[in-house]
Amino acid sequence: MKKLNSLIAAATFVIALPQAVFSQEMSFEEYNPTSTLVVPGAEIKQAKFRFIDVHSHQRDMSVEKLGSLLKDMESLNEGVMVNLSGGSGESLKEKVDNIQKSYPNRFVVFANVDFEGADGGEWGQKAAAQLEADIKNGAKGLKVFKSLGLRNTDASGNRLAIDDSRLDPIWAKCAEMGVPVLIHAADPKSFWDDMDSDNERWLELKTHPRRKRSNTDPAPWEQIIQEQHNVFKRHPKTKFINAHMGWHANNLGKLGELLDEIPNMNIGISAVIAELGRQPQHAREFFIKYQDRILFGKDSWNPDEFPTYFRVLESNDEYFPYYKKYHAFWAMYGLNLPDEVLKKVYYENALKLIPGLDRTLFE
């Protein structure tokens, strides 16, 4: 009887425990508290100046879709969208034709090259010839996906390095035709690091396990990054836009050294605004120093996410939330960039690099 009474008493105690005790059992993925900090600031839903998004991806470029996109662009104050998923051949031509039939000054496409199976002989010349045809059909540049360096293999089944000399005719053709190359190489360095409690991208790797890399899958991060720098240096007349700030947004000192060393390298800020928003003073100094080399880009098309970019670049707000926890579990701060710098980042630098854009949109 005494034992039964003890059990009843224990059960009563558990039932009487406050709910807060039970809520202690929570995973890191679930823990995402709302800040209680009250500071001045407000969401910026529309960019201060018209901007060019040099890093967008649109599979559907039908006339109907372009009309829908334009409505969102107007709400954001976006002047020109650069669709990097232009494809090649007839697919690209169809996209350009739809643009010309609907909104010829608001959309442009970049061509893509299929690097899979590259070999010696005339492969590079043929690829360059197709690229030339795509440019004549309306492409304004070349977009290189991260598959080059990560997944593409040559005709012998070996990893195709970004600086493989068989690809040189492609980079040379872009210089000849006066169009830029926007290149995404590798991924954040943390994807190659040990997946442990010290890894800032642990949550992203847990929720997206296929993003994990290693020195043998397929090669060290440093090697892949160096391969693209080798290409930049070997083709000084070709204009390169290094997507995602070359994955050095978390080390702006190193990125500055690279910009000083490689004068034909420019950088886009797509998908790395979270890195800039946690170092506002250092990032502001960097943007002012390299204001002629930085271009606005977003990457994934989600109009609801653009205001975070505007707020980081334009405001001096403190401690406001980022929209994707697995990218950044920290808060953002505004860089409060001067207007002359904002204009260059938003549109002037893109106008210099991408041929044929309508400058009157930004007057």
Protein backbone atom coordinates (compact mmCIF):
# COMPACT_ATOMS: atom_id res chain seq x y z
CA MET A 1 0.00 0.00 0.00
CA LYS A 2 2.87 2.32 0.87
CA LYS A 3 4.43 1.66 -2.57
CA LEU A 4 1.14 2.42 -4.32
CA ASN A 5 0.79 5.68 -2.43
CA SER A 6 4.32 6.64 -3.46
CA LEU A 7 3.51 5.99 -7.13
CA ILE A 8 0.33 8.04 -6.90
CA ALA A 9 2.21 10.88 -5.24
CA ALA A 10 4.89 10.80 -7.95
CA ALA A 11 2.30 10.85 -10.69
CA THR A 12 0.51 13.73 -9.04
CA PHE A 13 3.80 15.64 -8.85
CA VAL A 14 4.49 15.10 -12.57
CA ILE A 15 1.01 16.23 -13.49
CA ALA A 16 1.44 19.30 -11.32
CA LEU A 17 4.73 20.31 -12.94
CA PRO A 18 4.47 23.56 -14.91
CA GLN A 19 4.40 23.25 -18.71
CA ALA A 20 7.72 25.14 -18.87
CA VAL A 21 9.51 22.10 -17.47
CA PHE A 22 8.34 19.87 -20.30
CA SER A 23 9.16 22.51 -22.94
CA GLN A 24 12.85 22.14 -22.12
CA GLU A 25 12.94 19.18 -24.49
CA MET A 26 13.48 20.94 -27.80
CA SER A 27 15.72 20.34 -30.77
CA PHE A 28 18.04 22.94 -32.22
CA GLU A 29 15.96 22.91 -35.40
CA GLU A 30 12.85 23.91 -33.42
CA TYR A 31 14.47 26.62 -31.32
CA ASN A 32 13.94 29.89 -33.14
CA PRO A 33 12.92 32.52 -30.58
CA THR A 34 11.27 35.82 -31.38
CA SER A 35 13.49 38.68 -30.28
CA THR A 36 12.16 40.90 -27.50
CA LEU A 37 14.54 43.70 -28.48
CA VAL A 38 12.73 46.94 -29.33
CA VAL A 39 14.81 49.21 -31.56
CA PRO A 40 13.99 51.73 -34.31
CA GLY A 41 13.75 50.37 -37.85
CA ALA A 42 11.32 49.17 -40.47
CA GLU A 43 11.13 46.74 -43.36
CA ILE A 44 12.09 48.22 -46.72
CA LYS A 45 9.74 46.71 -49.30
CA GLN A 46 11.01 48.62 -52.32
CA ALA A 47 14.57 49.44 -53.30
CA LYS A 48 15.57 53.09 -53.05
CA PHE A 49 16.80 53.03 -56.65
CA ARG A 50 15.81 50.88 -59.60
CA PHE A 51 18.00 47.81 -59.65
CA ILE A 52 19.24 45.09 -61.96
CA ASP A 53 19.08 41.58 -60.56
CA VAL A 54 22.03 39.91 -62.27
CA HIS A 55 21.33 36.53 -60.67
CA SER A 56 17.88 35.09 -61.25
CA HIS A 57 16.68 31.70 -62.46
CA GLN A 58 13.46 31.33 -64.44
CA ARG A 59 12.63 28.09 -66.22
CA ASP A 60 9.34 29.41 -67.57
CA MET A 61 9.74 32.45 -69.78
CA SER A 62 6.44 32.30 -71.59
CA VAL A 63 4.82 35.64 -72.38
CA GLU A 64 2.26 34.99 -69.64
CA LYS A 65 4.95 34.26 -67.06
CA LEU A 66 6.92 37.35 -68.01
CA GLY A 67 3.83 39.46 -67.37
CA SER A 68 3.43 37.93 -63.93
CA LEU A 69 7.10 38.45 -63.12
CA LEU A 70 6.94 42.07 -64.19
CA LYS A 71 4.20 42.85 -61.66
CA ASP A 72 6.43 41.59 -58.82
CA MET A 73 9.42 43.41 -60.28
CA GLU A 74 7.53 46.70 -60.29
CA SER A 75 6.55 46.23 -56.66
CA LEU A 76 10.25 45.82 -55.76
CA ASN A 77 11.48 48.63 -58.06
CA GLU A 78 13.39 46.11 -60.18
CA GLY A 79 14.34 47.46 -63.57
CA VAL A 80 15.88 44.45 -65.30
CA MET A 81 15.91 40.75 -64.49
CA VAL A 82 18.82 38.69 -65.77
CA ASN A 83 17.72 35.08 -66.21
CA LEU A 84 20.84 32.95 -65.95
CA SER A 85 18.99 29.80 -67.00
CA GLY A 86 18.79 30.69 -70.67
CA GLY A 87 19.93 27.37 -72.02
CA SER A 88 21.24 27.16 -75.56
CA GLY A 89 20.09 26.70 -79.14
CA GLU A 90 16.35 26.72 -79.81
CA SER A 91 15.48 26.85 -76.11
CA LEU A 92 17.36 30.09 -75.67
CA LYS A 93 16.02 31.54 -78.91
CA GLU A 94 12.45 30.87 -77.78
CA LYS A 95 13.06 32.73 -74.51
CA VAL A 96 14.55 35.70 -76.35
CA ASP A 97 11.66 35.75 -78.81
CA ASN A 98 9.14 35.84 -75.96
CA ILE A 99 11.02 38.74 -74.38
CA GLN A 100 11.04 40.65 -77.65
CA LYS A 101 7.30 40.08 -78.10
CA SER A 102 6.43 41.32 -74.63
CA TYR A 103 8.89 43.34 -72.50
CA PRO A 104 12.11 43.69 -74.52
CA ASN A 105 13.84 46.10 -72.14
CA ARG A 106 13.00 44.37 -68.84
CA PHE A 107 14.43 40.86 -69.24
CA VAL A 108 17.66 39.39 -70.58
CA VAL A 109 19.03 35.86 -70.64
CA PHE A 110 22.48 34.37 -70.30
CA ALA A 111 23.43 31.29 -72.29
CA ASN A 112 24.66 28.04 -70.77
CA VAL A 113 27.24 25.52 -71.97
CA ASP A 114 26.97 21.77 -71.39
CA PHE A 115 30.47 20.90 -70.22
CA GLU A 116 29.78 17.20 -69.75
CA GLY A 117 31.99 14.94 -71.85
CA ALA A 118 34.53 17.57 -72.87
CA ASP A 119 37.48 16.15 -74.77
CA GLY A 120 40.34 17.25 -76.95
CA GLY A 121 40.27 18.02 -80.61
CA GLU A 122 37.52 20.36 -81.74
CA TRP A 123 35.25 20.11 -78.67
CA GLY A 124 36.17 23.54 -77.29
CA GLN A 125 35.88 25.22 -80.68
CA LYS A 126 32.46 23.71 -81.27
CA ALA A 127 31.24 24.77 -77.84
CA ALA A 128 32.54 28.29 -78.48
CA ALA A 129 30.84 28.38 -81.87
CA GLN A 130 27.50 27.41 -80.31
CA LEU A 131 27.97 30.08 -77.67
CA GLU A 132 28.66 32.65 -80.39
CA ALA A 133 25.42 31.62 -82.10
CA ASP A 134 23.54 31.97 -78.82
CA ILE A 135 24.94 35.46 -78.29
CA LYS A 136 23.96 36.46 -81.81
CA ASN A 137 20.49 35.14 -81.01
CA GLY A 138 20.21 37.49 -78.05
CA ALA A 139 22.10 36.09 -75.06
CA LYS A 140 23.86 38.84 -73.09
CA GLY A 141 26.38 36.66 -71.27
CA LEU A 142 27.39 33.18 -70.17
CA LYS A 143 26.33 31.59 -66.91
CA VAL A 144 28.50 28.73 -65.59
CA PHE A 145 26.80 26.48 -63.06
CA LYS A 146 28.58 24.89 -60.13
CA SER A 147 28.37 21.50 -61.86
CA LEU A 148 31.63 22.54 -63.52
CA GLY A 149 34.19 21.63 -60.91
CA LEU A 150 31.79 19.55 -58.83
CA ARG A 151 30.03 17.06 -61.09
CA ASN A 152 31.00 17.45 -64.74
CA THR A 153 33.36 14.83 -66.14
CA ASP A 154 35.34 14.76 -69.35
CA ALA A 155 35.13 12.14 -72.08
CA SER A 156 37.34 9.82 -70.01
CA GLY A 157 35.11 10.07 -66.93
CA ASN A 158 37.52 12.24 -64.93
CA ARG A 159 36.44 15.33 -63.01
CA LEU A 160 36.50 18.29 -65.35
CA ALA A 161 38.49 21.07 -63.70
CA ILE A 162 37.32 24.64 -64.17
CA ASP A 163 40.76 25.62 -65.48
CA ASP A 164 41.01 22.73 -67.95
CA SER A 165 42.68 24.16 -71.05
CA ARG A 166 40.11 22.45 -73.30
CA LEU A 167 37.61 25.07 -72.12
CA ASP A 168 39.78 28.07 -73.02
CA PRO A 169 38.02 28.74 -76.36
CA ILE A 170 34.79 29.39 -74.43
CA TRP A 171 36.27 32.05 -72.16
CA ALA A 172 38.09 33.61 -75.11
CA LYS A 173 34.86 33.75 -77.11
CA CYS A 174 33.18 35.76 -74.34
CA ALA A 175 36.01 38.30 -74.50
CA GLU A 176 35.72 38.44 -78.27
CA MET A 177 31.95 38.97 -78.14
CA GLY A 178 32.14 41.47 -75.28
CA VAL A 179 29.87 39.60 -72.88
CA PRO A 180 30.49 38.71 -69.22
CA VAL A 181 30.80 35.29 -67.62
CA LEU A 182 28.87 34.86 -64.38
CA ILE A 183 30.34 31.81 -62.68
CA HIS A 184 29.34 29.86 -59.59
CA ALA A 185 32.17 27.64 -58.38
CA ALA A 186 32.03 25.24 -55.43
CA ASP A 187 29.83 26.04 -52.41
CA PRO A 188 30.43 27.49 -48.91
CA LYS A 189 33.65 26.22 -47.33
CA SER A 190 31.64 24.91 -44.37
CA PHE A 191 30.20 22.19 -46.63
CA TRP A 192 33.71 20.69 -46.74
CA ASP A 193 34.34 21.06 -43.00
CA ASP A 194 33.55 18.48 -40.36
CA MET A 195 29.84 18.35 -39.62
CA ASP A 196 30.11 18.97 -35.89
CA SER A 197 29.16 21.54 -33.27
CA ASP A 198 31.74 24.00 -34.63
CA ASN A 199 30.23 24.10 -38.13
CA GLU A 200 28.08 27.19 -38.75
CA ARG A 201 26.20 25.40 -41.53
CA TRP A 202 25.43 22.31 -39.45
CA LEU A 203 21.68 22.87 -39.65
CA GLU A 204 21.80 23.31 -43.43
CA LEU A 205 23.82 20.12 -43.82
CA LYS A 206 21.42 18.25 -41.56
CA THR A 207 18.37 19.40 -43.49
CA HIS A 208 20.12 19.14 -46.89
CA PRO A 209 22.57 16.24 -46.46
CA ARG A 210 23.42 16.04 -50.16
CA ARG A 211 25.27 19.34 -49.81
CA LYS A 212 28.01 17.78 -47.68
CA ARG A 213 31.38 17.59 -49.44
CA SER A 214 34.87 16.39 -48.66
CA ASN A 215 38.39 16.61 -50.06
CA THR A 216 37.65 13.53 -52.16
CA ASP A 217 34.05 14.40 -53.02
CA PRO A 218 34.98 15.63 -55.47
CA ALA A 219 38.09 17.69 -54.55
CA PRO A 220 39.28 20.10 -51.85
CA TRP A 221 37.38 23.39 -51.66
CA GLU A 222 40.60 25.37 -51.99
CA GLN A 223 41.47 23.55 -55.20
CA ILE A 224 38.14 24.26 -56.89
CA ILE A 225 38.20 27.92 -55.88
CA GLN A 226 41.79 28.26 -57.13
CA GLU A 227 40.81 26.72 -60.48
CA GLN A 228 38.37 29.53 -61.20
CA HIS A 229 40.94 32.14 -60.18
CA ASN A 230 43.38 30.52 -62.59
CA VAL A 231 40.85 31.02 -65.39
CA PHE A 232 40.31 34.67 -64.45
CA LYS A 233 44.04 35.32 -64.60
CA ARG A 234 44.59 33.36 -67.83
CA HIS A 235 41.87 35.36 -69.61
CA PRO A 236 42.40 38.97 -68.51
CA LYS A 237 40.28 40.35 -71.36
CA THR A 238 37.21 38.37 -70.28
CA LYS A 239 34.87 40.03 -67.80
CA PHE A 240 33.98 37.67 -64.94
CA ILE A 241 31.28 38.05 -62.30
CA ASN A 242 32.05 35.80 -59.36
CA ALA A 243 28.69 34.65 -57.97
CA HIS A 244 28.07 34.59 -54.22
CA MET A 245 31.11 36.84 -53.70
CA GLY A 246 33.24 33.82 -54.53
CA TRP A 247 32.26 32.30 -51.15
CA HIS A 248 34.53 34.82 -49.43
CA ALA A 249 31.81 37.07 -47.97
CA ASN A 250 32.82 35.76 -44.55
CA ASN A 251 36.42 36.87 -45.19
CA LEU A 252 36.28 40.26 -46.86
CA GLY A 253 39.96 40.86 -46.23
CA LYS A 254 40.85 37.90 -48.43
CA LEU A 255 38.23 38.88 -51.00
CA GLY A 256 39.74 42.34 -51.21
CA GLU A 257 43.16 40.84 -51.87
CA LEU A 258 41.68 38.79 -54.72
CA LEU A 259 39.98 41.82 -56.25
CA ASP A 260 43.28 43.72 -56.10
CA GLU A 261 45.08 40.81 -57.71
CA ILE A 262 42.50 40.06 -60.44
CA PRO A 263 41.25 43.28 -62.10
CA ASN A 264 38.80 41.51 -64.45
CA MET A 265 36.96 39.86 -61.54
CA ASN A 266 33.72 41.36 -60.27
CA ILE A 267 31.46 39.97 -57.56
CA GLY A 268 27.73 39.43 -57.08
CA ILE A 269 26.09 39.43 -53.67
CA SER A 270 23.49 36.72 -54.38
CA ALA A 271 22.68 34.39 -51.47
CA VAL A 272 25.32 35.87 -49.13
CA ILE A 273 23.50 38.88 -47.70
CA ALA A 274 23.46 37.11 -44.32
CA GLU A 275 27.25 37.26 -44.20
CA LEU A 276 27.24 40.99 -44.89
CA GLY A 277 24.47 41.73 -42.41
CA ARG A 278 26.45 40.39 -39.47
CA GLN A 279 29.51 42.61 -40.08
CA PRO A 280 27.98 45.98 -40.98
CA GLN A 281 30.99 48.20 -40.29
CA HIS A 282 33.53 46.03 -42.07
CA ALA A 283 31.15 45.30 -44.95
CA ARG A 284 30.34 49.00 -45.36
CA GLU A 285 34.04 49.84 -45.66
CA PHE A 286 34.45 47.01 -48.18
CA PHE A 287 31.52 48.19 -50.33
CA ILE A 288 32.81 51.74 -50.37
CA LYS A 289 36.33 50.64 -51.33
CA TYR A 290 35.21 48.21 -54.05
CA GLN A 291 32.05 50.02 -55.12
CA ASP A 292 32.91 49.66 -58.82
CA ARG A 293 33.17 45.86 -58.65
CA ILE A 294 30.02 44.75 -56.79
CA LEU A 295 26.68 43.82 -58.40
CA PHE A 296 23.26 43.19 -56.94
CA GLY A 297 21.83 39.68 -57.33
CA LYS A 298 19.40 37.55 -55.38
CA ASP A 299 19.48 33.98 -56.83
CA SER A 300 16.26 32.17 -55.84
CA TRP A 301 13.21 34.11 -56.98
CA ASN A 302 11.11 34.91 -53.93
CA PRO A 303 9.88 38.52 -53.86
CA ASP A 304 9.20 38.31 -50.12
CA GLU A 305 12.93 37.88 -49.45
CA PHE A 306 14.17 40.96 -51.31
CA PRO A 307 13.29 43.40 -48.48
CA THR A 308 16.01 41.87 -46.32
CA TYR A 309 18.56 42.71 -49.04
CA PHE A 310 17.27 46.27 -49.29
CA ARG A 311 17.33 46.72 -45.52
CA VAL A 312 20.88 45.42 -45.14
CA LEU A 313 22.18 47.61 -47.96
CA GLU A 314 20.20 50.80 -47.34
CA SER A 315 19.37 51.16 -43.65
CA ASN A 316 21.28 51.55 -40.42
CA ASP A 317 18.77 49.34 -38.59
CA GLU A 318 20.00 47.00 -35.88
CA TYR A 319 19.29 43.39 -35.10
CA PHE A 320 16.54 42.46 -37.54
CA PRO A 321 15.75 38.89 -38.61
CA TYR A 322 17.03 36.97 -41.60
CA TYR A 323 14.45 34.91 -43.47
CA LYS A 324 16.09 31.49 -43.56
CA LYS A 325 17.40 30.05 -40.32
CA TYR A 326 19.44 27.26 -41.89
CA HIS A 327 21.48 29.88 -43.73
CA ALA A 328 21.94 32.14 -40.72
CA PHE A 329 20.77 31.80 -37.15
CA TRP A 330 22.06 35.28 -36.35
CA ALA A 331 20.44 38.70 -36.80
CA MET A 332 21.09 41.35 -39.46
CA TYR A 333 22.39 44.91 -39.27
CA GLY A 334 22.20 47.61 -41.94
CA LEU A 335 25.24 48.87 -43.85
CA ASN A 336 23.69 52.30 -44.52
CA LEU A 337 25.51 52.62 -47.84
CA PRO A 338 25.88 56.07 -49.43
CA ASP A 339 23.58 56.74 -52.38
CA GLU A 340 26.44 56.84 -54.88
CA VAL A 341 27.52 53.36 -53.77
CA LEU A 342 23.96 52.03 -53.79
CA LYS A 343 23.46 53.21 -57.37
CA LYS A 344 26.60 51.40 -58.51
CA VAL A 345 25.64 48.17 -56.76
CA TYR A 346 22.01 48.34 -57.85
CA TYR A 347 22.50 49.14 -61.52
CA GLU A 348 25.53 51.15 -62.71
CA ASN A 349 28.07 48.34 -62.51
CA ALA A 350 25.73 45.95 -64.32
CA LEU A 351 25.16 48.51 -67.07
CA LYS A 352 28.91 48.62 -67.62
CA LEU A 353 29.33 44.86 -67.82
CA ILE A 354 26.21 43.60 -69.60
CA PRO A 355 25.79 44.90 -73.15
CA GLY A 356 22.56 46.20 -74.59
CA LEU A 357 20.63 47.07 -71.43
CA ASP A 358 18.19 49.98 -71.54
CA ARG A 359 19.90 52.79 -69.62
CA THR A 360 16.83 55.02 -69.78
CA LEU A 361 15.17 52.81 -67.15
CA PHE A 362 17.62 54.18 -64.59
CA GLU A 363 17.57 57.88 -65.40
